[in-house]
């Protein structure tokens, strides 16, 4: 996504009535920066966390997941974020919990694909998506940018400002 398109998308997200709590781990962290660096973030972001340690992720979802980067883990994270949003937002405000768990390029040997699982929980239900990245094609910063753009797209869909 081009920078101008990203800024436009974030503006649209901020103009929508949706407020959210989000958590990202392993990747997708630029999405937090993107949301907070565009004026209007206080209309959208209630709280953003990066539970990077396994113990921090376990604290967020209430159990130790079998696999850190999996749809069910992302969905549990999003659901926990939705519960937190219910505590922080006004009762009549549309809310969501947004989560991303990712395994990106690293400096150690890791089996499996570079990938991300993204989930958005609303009172109407949970939707999740996946991003698979070809190993060796991008550096970590580029992979985080790809995943972060996917997070923003998921938020935009939940906010009904994009499909």
N, C-alpha and C. Protein backbone atom coordinates (compact mmCIF):
# COMPACT_ATOMS: atom_id res chain seq x y z
N UNK A 1 0.85 -1.17 0.00
CA UNK A 1 0.00 0.00 0.00
C UNK A 1 0.90 1.23 0.00
N UNK A 2 0.62 2.17 -0.87
CA UNK A 2 1.39 3.42 -0.92
C UNK A 2 1.13 4.25 0.33
N UNK A 3 2.09 5.04 0.71
CA UNK A 3 1.98 5.85 1.92
C UNK A 3 0.74 6.74 1.89
N UNK A 4 0.47 7.38 0.76
CA UNK A 4 -0.70 8.27 0.68
C UNK A 4 -1.99 7.47 0.83
N UNK A 5 -2.04 6.28 0.26
CA UNK A 5 -3.23 5.42 0.41
C UNK A 5 -3.40 5.00 1.87
N UNK A 6 -2.30 4.69 2.53
CA UNK A 6 -2.34 4.30 3.94
C UNK A 6 -2.85 5.45 4.80
N UNK A 7 -2.35 6.64 4.56
CA UNK A 7 -2.80 7.80 5.34
C UNK A 7 -4.28 8.08 5.11
N UNK A 8 -4.71 7.95 3.88
CA UNK A 8 -6.13 8.15 3.55
C UNK A 8 -6.98 7.11 4.27
N UNK A 9 -6.53 5.86 4.26
CA UNK A 9 -7.26 4.79 4.93
C UNK A 9 -7.35 5.05 6.43
N UNK A 10 -6.24 5.46 7.04
CA UNK A 10 -6.25 5.75 8.48
C UNK A 10 -7.18 6.91 8.78
N UNK A 11 -7.19 7.94 7.92
CA UNK A 11 -8.14 9.05 8.09
C UNK A 11 -9.58 8.54 8.08
N UNK A 12 -9.89 7.67 7.14
CA UNK A 12 -11.24 7.10 7.06
C UNK A 12 -11.58 6.29 8.31
N UNK A 13 -10.61 5.53 8.79
CA UNK A 13 -10.82 4.76 10.02
C UNK A 13 -11.11 5.70 11.18
N UNK A 14 -10.34 6.77 11.30
CA UNK A 14 -10.55 7.72 12.39
C UNK A 14 -11.90 8.44 12.28
N UNK A 15 -12.39 8.61 11.07
CA UNK A 15 -13.68 9.28 10.88
C UNK A 15 -14.87 8.36 11.15
N UNK A 16 -14.63 7.05 11.16
CA UNK A 16 -15.69 6.09 11.45
C UNK A 16 -15.95 6.07 12.96
N UNK A 17 -17.14 5.67 13.37
CA UNK A 17 -17.45 5.69 14.81
C UNK A 17 -16.85 4.53 15.61
N UNK A 18 -16.17 3.58 14.98
CA UNK A 18 -15.63 2.41 15.67
C UNK A 18 -14.46 2.77 16.57
N UNK A 19 -14.50 2.29 17.81
CA UNK A 19 -13.37 2.42 18.73
C UNK A 19 -12.86 1.02 19.05
N UNK A 20 -11.54 0.92 19.30
CA UNK A 20 -10.98 -0.42 19.45
C UNK A 20 -9.85 -0.48 20.45
N UNK A 21 -9.64 -1.71 20.90
CA UNK A 21 -8.45 -2.09 21.64
C UNK A 21 -7.73 -3.07 20.73
N UNK A 22 -6.42 -2.93 20.62
CA UNK A 22 -5.67 -3.82 19.75
C UNK A 22 -4.43 -4.38 20.43
N UNK A 23 -4.05 -5.57 19.98
CA UNK A 23 -2.84 -6.22 20.47
C UNK A 23 -2.15 -6.88 19.28
N UNK A 24 -0.86 -6.64 19.16
CA UNK A 24 -0.07 -7.27 18.10
C UNK A 24 1.17 -7.89 18.73
N UNK A 25 1.55 -9.05 18.21
CA UNK A 25 2.75 -9.71 18.69
C UNK A 25 3.48 -10.36 17.53
N UNK A 26 4.78 -10.22 17.51
CA UNK A 26 5.59 -10.84 16.47
C UNK A 26 5.65 -10.07 15.18
N UNK A 27 4.72 -9.18 14.94
CA UNK A 27 4.69 -8.39 13.72
C UNK A 27 3.39 -7.61 13.65
N UNK A 28 3.34 -6.67 12.73
CA UNK A 28 2.17 -5.82 12.59
C UNK A 28 2.21 -4.58 13.46
N UNK A 29 3.36 -4.36 14.09
CA UNK A 29 3.47 -3.25 15.04
C UNK A 29 3.37 -1.88 14.36
N UNK A 30 3.73 -1.79 13.10
CA UNK A 30 3.63 -0.49 12.40
C UNK A 30 2.17 -0.03 12.31
N UNK A 31 1.22 -0.96 12.37
CA UNK A 31 -0.19 -0.55 12.32
C UNK A 31 -0.55 0.33 13.51
N UNK A 32 0.04 0.05 14.67
CA UNK A 32 -0.20 0.88 15.84
C UNK A 32 0.35 2.28 15.59
N UNK A 33 1.57 2.35 15.11
CA UNK A 33 2.19 3.64 14.80
C UNK A 33 1.38 4.39 13.75
N UNK A 34 0.93 3.68 12.72
CA UNK A 34 0.14 4.32 11.66
C UNK A 34 -1.11 4.97 12.25
N UNK A 35 -1.80 4.25 13.11
CA UNK A 35 -3.03 4.78 13.69
C UNK A 35 -2.75 5.95 14.62
N UNK A 36 -1.68 5.87 15.40
CA UNK A 36 -1.39 6.92 16.38
C UNK A 36 -0.72 8.15 15.77
N UNK A 37 -0.14 8.01 14.59
CA UNK A 37 0.59 9.15 14.01
C UNK A 37 -0.30 10.03 13.13
N UNK A 38 -1.53 9.63 12.90
CA UNK A 38 -2.46 10.43 12.12
C UNK A 38 -3.45 11.10 13.07
N UNK A 39 -3.64 12.41 12.95
CA UNK A 39 -4.58 13.09 13.84
C UNK A 39 -5.95 12.41 13.85
N UNK A 40 -6.52 12.31 15.04
CA UNK A 40 -7.82 11.67 15.20
C UNK A 40 -7.75 10.32 15.87
N UNK A 41 -6.55 9.89 16.24
CA UNK A 41 -6.37 8.57 16.84
C UNK A 41 -7.21 8.38 18.10
N UNK A 42 -7.41 9.44 18.86
CA UNK A 42 -8.18 9.30 20.10
C UNK A 42 -9.65 8.99 19.84
N UNK A 43 -10.10 9.16 18.61
CA UNK A 43 -11.47 8.78 18.25
C UNK A 43 -11.56 7.29 17.90
N UNK A 44 -10.41 6.64 17.74
CA UNK A 44 -10.36 5.25 17.29
C UNK A 44 -9.73 4.31 18.31
N UNK A 45 -8.57 4.66 18.80
CA UNK A 45 -7.77 3.76 19.63
C UNK A 45 -8.06 3.99 21.11
N UNK A 46 -8.59 2.96 21.75
CA UNK A 46 -8.77 3.01 23.21
C UNK A 46 -7.50 2.57 23.92
N UNK A 47 -6.85 1.55 23.35
CA UNK A 47 -5.63 1.00 23.95
C UNK A 47 -4.95 0.13 22.91
N UNK A 48 -3.62 0.12 22.94
CA UNK A 48 -2.84 -0.74 22.05
C UNK A 48 -1.71 -1.36 22.86
N UNK A 49 -1.55 -2.69 22.70
CA UNK A 49 -0.51 -3.39 23.45
C UNK A 49 0.30 -4.29 22.52
N UNK A 50 1.50 -4.61 23.00
CA UNK A 50 2.38 -5.52 22.27
C UNK A 50 2.83 -6.60 23.27
N UNK A 51 2.01 -7.63 23.45
CA UNK A 51 2.38 -8.71 24.37
C UNK A 51 3.40 -9.65 23.72
N UNK A 52 4.65 -9.23 23.71
CA UNK A 52 5.68 -9.91 22.93
C UNK A 52 6.17 -11.20 23.58
N UNK A 53 6.33 -11.20 24.87
CA UNK A 53 6.78 -12.41 25.57
C UNK A 53 5.64 -13.42 25.60
N UNK A 54 5.97 -14.68 25.56
CA UNK A 54 4.95 -15.73 25.63
C UNK A 54 4.08 -15.57 26.88
N UNK A 55 4.70 -15.20 27.99
CA UNK A 55 3.93 -15.02 29.23
C UNK A 55 2.97 -13.83 29.13
N UNK A 56 3.37 -12.79 28.40
CA UNK A 56 2.48 -11.63 28.22
C UNK A 56 1.28 -12.01 27.36
N UNK A 57 1.52 -12.81 26.31
CA UNK A 57 0.42 -13.27 25.48
C UNK A 57 -0.52 -14.16 26.28
N UNK A 58 0.04 -15.05 27.08
CA UNK A 58 -0.78 -15.92 27.93
C UNK A 58 -1.62 -15.11 28.91
N UNK A 59 -1.04 -14.06 29.47
CA UNK A 59 -1.80 -13.19 30.37
C UNK A 59 -2.97 -12.54 29.63
N UNK A 60 -2.74 -12.12 28.40
CA UNK A 60 -3.80 -11.46 27.63
C UNK A 60 -4.97 -12.39 27.38
N UNK A 61 -4.69 -13.63 26.94
CA UNK A 61 -5.78 -14.52 26.53
C UNK A 61 -6.23 -15.48 27.63
N UNK A 62 -5.46 -15.57 28.71
CA UNK A 62 -5.88 -16.39 29.84
C UNK A 62 -5.41 -17.84 29.80
N UNK A 63 -4.58 -18.18 28.82
CA UNK A 63 -4.03 -19.54 28.74
C UNK A 63 -2.80 -19.51 27.84
N UNK A 64 -2.03 -20.58 27.86
CA UNK A 64 -0.87 -20.70 26.99
C UNK A 64 -1.31 -21.39 25.70
N UNK A 65 -1.23 -20.70 24.57
CA UNK A 65 -1.69 -21.31 23.33
C UNK A 65 -0.77 -22.44 22.88
N UNK A 66 -1.35 -23.40 22.19
CA UNK A 66 -0.57 -24.50 21.63
C UNK A 66 0.40 -23.96 20.59
N UNK A 67 -0.08 -23.03 19.78
CA UNK A 67 0.75 -22.41 18.75
C UNK A 67 0.54 -20.89 18.84
N UNK A 68 1.64 -20.16 18.87
CA UNK A 68 1.56 -18.70 19.00
C UNK A 68 0.94 -18.05 17.76
N UNK A 69 1.35 -18.49 16.58
CA UNK A 69 0.86 -17.89 15.34
C UNK A 69 -0.15 -18.85 14.72
N UNK A 70 -1.40 -18.66 15.10
CA UNK A 70 -2.49 -19.51 14.63
C UNK A 70 -3.78 -18.71 14.68
N UNK A 71 -4.74 -19.09 13.87
CA UNK A 71 -6.02 -18.39 13.83
C UNK A 71 -6.70 -18.37 15.19
N UNK A 72 -6.69 -19.51 15.89
CA UNK A 72 -7.38 -19.53 17.18
C UNK A 72 -6.70 -18.62 18.20
N UNK A 73 -5.39 -18.48 18.11
CA UNK A 73 -4.68 -17.56 19.00
C UNK A 73 -5.05 -16.12 18.68
N UNK A 74 -5.04 -15.76 17.40
CA UNK A 74 -5.43 -14.41 17.00
C UNK A 74 -6.87 -14.11 17.41
N UNK A 75 -7.75 -15.09 17.24
CA UNK A 75 -9.15 -14.89 17.62
C UNK A 75 -9.30 -14.72 19.13
N UNK A 76 -8.53 -15.48 19.91
CA UNK A 76 -8.56 -15.33 21.37
C UNK A 76 -8.04 -13.96 21.78
N UNK A 77 -6.99 -13.51 21.11
CA UNK A 77 -6.45 -12.18 21.39
C UNK A 77 -7.49 -11.11 21.07
N UNK A 78 -8.14 -11.21 19.91
CA UNK A 78 -9.14 -10.22 19.51
C UNK A 78 -10.32 -10.21 20.48
N UNK A 79 -10.72 -11.39 20.92
CA UNK A 79 -11.82 -11.48 21.88
C UNK A 79 -11.45 -10.84 23.20
N UNK A 80 -10.22 -11.06 23.66
CA UNK A 80 -9.75 -10.42 24.89
C UNK A 80 -9.72 -8.90 24.72
N UNK A 81 -9.31 -8.44 23.55
CA UNK A 81 -9.28 -7.01 23.28
C UNK A 81 -10.69 -6.43 23.24
N UNK A 82 -11.64 -7.18 22.69
CA UNK A 82 -13.04 -6.73 22.68
C UNK A 82 -13.56 -6.58 24.11
N UNK A 83 -13.24 -7.53 24.96
CA UNK A 83 -13.67 -7.44 26.36
C UNK A 83 -13.08 -6.19 27.03
N UNK A 84 -11.84 -5.90 26.72
CA UNK A 84 -11.20 -4.69 27.27
C UNK A 84 -11.88 -3.44 26.71
N UNK A 85 -12.23 -3.45 25.43
CA UNK A 85 -12.92 -2.31 24.82
C UNK A 85 -14.25 -2.05 25.50
N UNK A 86 -14.94 -3.12 25.89
CA UNK A 86 -16.22 -2.97 26.60
C UNK A 86 -16.01 -2.22 27.92
N UNK A 87 -14.87 -2.43 28.56
CA UNK A 87 -14.57 -1.74 29.82
C UNK A 87 -14.23 -0.27 29.60
N UNK A 88 -13.61 0.04 28.46
CA UNK A 88 -13.07 1.39 28.24
C UNK A 88 -14.00 2.33 27.49
N UNK A 89 -14.86 1.80 26.63
CA UNK A 89 -15.69 2.64 25.77
C UNK A 89 -17.04 2.95 26.42
N UNK A 90 -17.65 4.01 25.95
CA UNK A 90 -19.02 4.31 26.35
C UNK A 90 -19.93 3.18 25.86
N UNK A 91 -20.99 2.91 26.59
CA UNK A 91 -21.86 1.77 26.29
C UNK A 91 -22.48 1.81 24.91
N UNK A 92 -22.72 2.98 24.37
CA UNK A 92 -23.39 3.09 23.08
C UNK A 92 -22.43 3.19 21.89
N UNK A 93 -21.14 3.06 22.15
CA UNK A 93 -20.12 3.21 21.11
C UNK A 93 -19.85 1.89 20.41
N UNK A 94 -19.81 1.87 19.06
CA UNK A 94 -19.39 0.65 18.36
C UNK A 94 -17.93 0.33 18.71
N UNK A 95 -17.67 -0.93 19.05
CA UNK A 95 -16.33 -1.32 19.50
C UNK A 95 -15.84 -2.57 18.78
N UNK A 96 -14.52 -2.75 18.85
CA UNK A 96 -13.89 -3.95 18.29
C UNK A 96 -12.63 -4.26 19.07
N UNK A 97 -12.24 -5.52 19.00
CA UNK A 97 -10.94 -5.98 19.46
C UNK A 97 -10.18 -6.42 18.23
N UNK A 98 -8.96 -5.95 18.08
CA UNK A 98 -8.15 -6.23 16.89
C UNK A 98 -6.87 -6.91 17.35
N UNK A 99 -6.48 -7.97 16.64
CA UNK A 99 -5.28 -8.71 17.04
C UNK A 99 -4.51 -9.20 15.83
N UNK A 100 -3.20 -9.29 16.03
CA UNK A 100 -2.33 -9.87 15.03
C UNK A 100 -1.24 -10.64 15.76
N UNK A 101 -1.01 -11.86 15.32
CA UNK A 101 0.11 -12.64 15.81
C UNK A 101 0.90 -13.09 14.58
N UNK A 102 2.21 -12.89 14.62
CA UNK A 102 3.01 -13.10 13.41
C UNK A 102 4.35 -13.75 13.71
N UNK A 103 4.86 -14.42 12.71
CA UNK A 103 6.22 -14.97 12.72
C UNK A 103 6.90 -14.40 11.48
N UNK A 104 7.80 -13.47 11.69
CA UNK A 104 8.48 -12.79 10.59
C UNK A 104 9.95 -13.21 10.55
N UNK A 105 10.66 -12.69 9.55
CA UNK A 105 12.09 -12.96 9.42
C UNK A 105 12.77 -12.74 10.75
N UNK A 106 13.64 -13.67 11.12
CA UNK A 106 14.31 -13.62 12.41
C UNK A 106 15.80 -13.92 12.22
N UNK A 107 16.56 -13.72 13.29
CA UNK A 107 18.00 -13.99 13.23
C UNK A 107 18.34 -15.38 13.77
N UNK A 108 17.33 -16.21 13.96
CA UNK A 108 17.55 -17.58 14.43
C UNK A 108 16.84 -18.54 13.48
N UNK A 109 17.20 -19.79 13.56
CA UNK A 109 16.58 -20.82 12.72
C UNK A 109 15.17 -21.08 13.24
N UNK A 110 14.19 -20.96 12.35
CA UNK A 110 12.80 -21.23 12.71
C UNK A 110 12.16 -21.98 11.56
N UNK A 111 11.49 -23.07 11.88
CA UNK A 111 10.79 -23.81 10.82
C UNK A 111 9.44 -23.16 10.58
N UNK A 112 8.86 -23.48 9.47
CA UNK A 112 7.55 -22.94 9.14
C UNK A 112 7.63 -21.67 8.34
N UNK A 113 6.49 -21.31 7.78
CA UNK A 113 6.39 -20.11 6.95
C UNK A 113 6.50 -18.85 7.78
N UNK A 114 6.95 -17.78 7.14
CA UNK A 114 6.77 -16.45 7.70
C UNK A 114 5.31 -16.12 7.43
N UNK A 115 4.59 -15.73 8.47
CA UNK A 115 3.15 -15.59 8.33
C UNK A 115 2.57 -14.72 9.43
N UNK A 116 1.30 -14.38 9.24
CA UNK A 116 0.57 -13.65 10.27
C UNK A 116 -0.88 -14.09 10.26
N UNK A 117 -1.48 -14.07 11.44
CA UNK A 117 -2.91 -14.31 11.59
C UNK A 117 -3.49 -13.05 12.22
N UNK A 118 -4.54 -12.54 11.62
CA UNK A 118 -5.17 -11.29 12.04
C UNK A 118 -6.62 -11.60 12.36
N UNK A 119 -7.13 -11.04 13.43
CA UNK A 119 -8.53 -11.24 13.79
C UNK A 119 -9.13 -9.94 14.30
N UNK A 120 -10.41 -9.77 14.01
CA UNK A 120 -11.17 -8.64 14.52
C UNK A 120 -12.43 -9.20 15.17
N UNK A 121 -12.62 -8.86 16.43
CA UNK A 121 -13.81 -9.29 17.17
C UNK A 121 -14.71 -8.09 17.40
N UNK A 122 -15.98 -8.25 17.08
CA UNK A 122 -17.00 -7.24 17.37
C UNK A 122 -18.11 -7.95 18.13
N UNK A 123 -19.06 -7.21 18.66
CA UNK A 123 -20.19 -7.89 19.30
C UNK A 123 -20.94 -8.83 18.35
N UNK A 124 -20.78 -8.64 17.05
CA UNK A 124 -21.45 -9.49 16.07
C UNK A 124 -20.68 -10.78 15.75
N UNK A 125 -19.42 -10.87 16.16
CA UNK A 125 -18.64 -12.08 15.89
C UNK A 125 -17.19 -11.78 15.62
N UNK A 126 -16.45 -12.82 15.25
CA UNK A 126 -15.01 -12.71 15.01
C UNK A 126 -14.72 -13.10 13.56
N UNK A 127 -13.90 -12.27 12.90
CA UNK A 127 -13.44 -12.58 11.54
C UNK A 127 -11.93 -12.64 11.57
N UNK A 128 -11.38 -13.61 10.86
CA UNK A 128 -9.92 -13.71 10.84
C UNK A 128 -9.42 -13.87 9.41
N UNK A 129 -8.15 -13.56 9.24
CA UNK A 129 -7.49 -13.69 7.94
C UNK A 129 -6.04 -14.08 8.16
N UNK A 130 -5.38 -14.46 7.07
CA UNK A 130 -3.99 -14.91 7.13
C UNK A 130 -3.16 -14.17 6.08
N UNK A 131 -1.90 -14.00 6.40
CA UNK A 131 -0.93 -13.49 5.45
C UNK A 131 0.24 -14.47 5.46
N UNK A 132 0.61 -14.97 4.30
CA UNK A 132 1.78 -15.85 4.18
C UNK A 132 2.83 -15.10 3.38
N UNK A 133 4.05 -15.08 3.90
CA UNK A 133 5.15 -14.34 3.29
C UNK A 133 6.23 -15.33 2.84
N UNK A 134 6.72 -15.15 1.66
CA UNK A 134 7.78 -16.02 1.14
C UNK A 134 9.08 -15.71 1.88
N UNK A 135 9.67 -16.74 2.47
CA UNK A 135 10.93 -16.55 3.19
C UNK A 135 12.01 -16.06 2.24
N UNK A 136 12.80 -15.10 2.73
CA UNK A 136 13.93 -14.60 1.97
C UNK A 136 13.60 -13.54 0.94
N UNK A 137 12.34 -13.22 0.77
CA UNK A 137 11.95 -12.23 -0.23
C UNK A 137 12.02 -10.79 0.31
N UNK A 138 11.81 -10.63 1.60
CA UNK A 138 11.78 -9.30 2.22
C UNK A 138 12.56 -9.32 3.53
N UNK A 139 13.01 -8.16 3.94
CA UNK A 139 13.61 -8.07 5.27
C UNK A 139 12.47 -7.93 6.30
N UNK A 140 12.83 -7.94 7.56
CA UNK A 140 11.82 -7.90 8.62
C UNK A 140 10.97 -6.64 8.54
N UNK A 141 11.58 -5.50 8.29
CA UNK A 141 10.82 -4.25 8.22
C UNK A 141 9.78 -4.29 7.09
N UNK A 142 10.16 -4.83 5.95
CA UNK A 142 9.22 -4.94 4.83
C UNK A 142 8.10 -5.92 5.17
N UNK A 143 8.43 -7.03 5.82
CA UNK A 143 7.40 -7.98 6.22
C UNK A 143 6.44 -7.35 7.22
N UNK A 144 6.97 -6.59 8.18
CA UNK A 144 6.11 -5.93 9.15
C UNK A 144 5.19 -4.93 8.44
N UNK A 145 5.70 -4.25 7.43
CA UNK A 145 4.88 -3.29 6.68
C UNK A 145 3.73 -4.01 5.97
N UNK A 146 4.02 -5.15 5.36
CA UNK A 146 2.99 -5.94 4.67
C UNK A 146 1.91 -6.37 5.67
N UNK A 147 2.34 -6.91 6.79
CA UNK A 147 1.40 -7.37 7.81
C UNK A 147 0.63 -6.20 8.40
N UNK A 148 1.29 -5.10 8.67
CA UNK A 148 0.62 -3.92 9.23
C UNK A 148 -0.44 -3.39 8.28
N UNK A 149 -0.15 -3.39 6.98
CA UNK A 149 -1.16 -2.96 6.01
C UNK A 149 -2.36 -3.89 6.03
N UNK A 150 -2.12 -5.18 6.21
CA UNK A 150 -3.23 -6.14 6.31
C UNK A 150 -4.06 -5.89 7.58
N UNK A 151 -3.40 -5.52 8.67
CA UNK A 151 -4.12 -5.18 9.91
C UNK A 151 -4.99 -3.95 9.66
N UNK A 152 -4.43 -2.93 9.04
CA UNK A 152 -5.21 -1.72 8.75
C UNK A 152 -6.40 -2.03 7.86
N UNK A 153 -6.21 -2.90 6.88
CA UNK A 153 -7.31 -3.29 5.99
C UNK A 153 -8.41 -4.01 6.77
N UNK A 154 -8.02 -4.87 7.70
CA UNK A 154 -9.02 -5.57 8.52
C UNK A 154 -9.79 -4.58 9.40
N UNK A 155 -9.09 -3.59 9.95
CA UNK A 155 -9.75 -2.57 10.75
C UNK A 155 -10.71 -1.77 9.87
N UNK A 156 -10.27 -1.40 8.69
CA UNK A 156 -11.11 -0.62 7.78
C UNK A 156 -12.38 -1.38 7.41
N UNK A 157 -12.25 -2.68 7.22
CA UNK A 157 -13.43 -3.50 6.92
C UNK A 157 -14.39 -3.50 8.11
N UNK A 158 -13.86 -3.66 9.32
CA UNK A 158 -14.70 -3.66 10.52
C UNK A 158 -15.36 -2.30 10.73
N UNK A 159 -14.64 -1.23 10.36
CA UNK A 159 -15.17 0.12 10.50
C UNK A 159 -16.12 0.50 9.36
N UNK A 160 -16.24 -0.41 8.39
CA UNK A 160 -17.12 -0.23 7.23
C UNK A 160 -16.71 0.95 6.36
N UNK A 161 -15.39 1.15 6.25
CA UNK A 161 -14.89 2.20 5.36
C UNK A 161 -14.15 1.59 4.17
N UNK A 162 -14.07 0.25 4.13
CA UNK A 162 -13.46 -0.47 3.01
C UNK A 162 -14.01 -1.89 3.03
N UNK A 163 -13.85 -2.58 1.91
CA UNK A 163 -14.31 -3.98 1.83
C UNK A 163 -13.16 -4.94 1.94
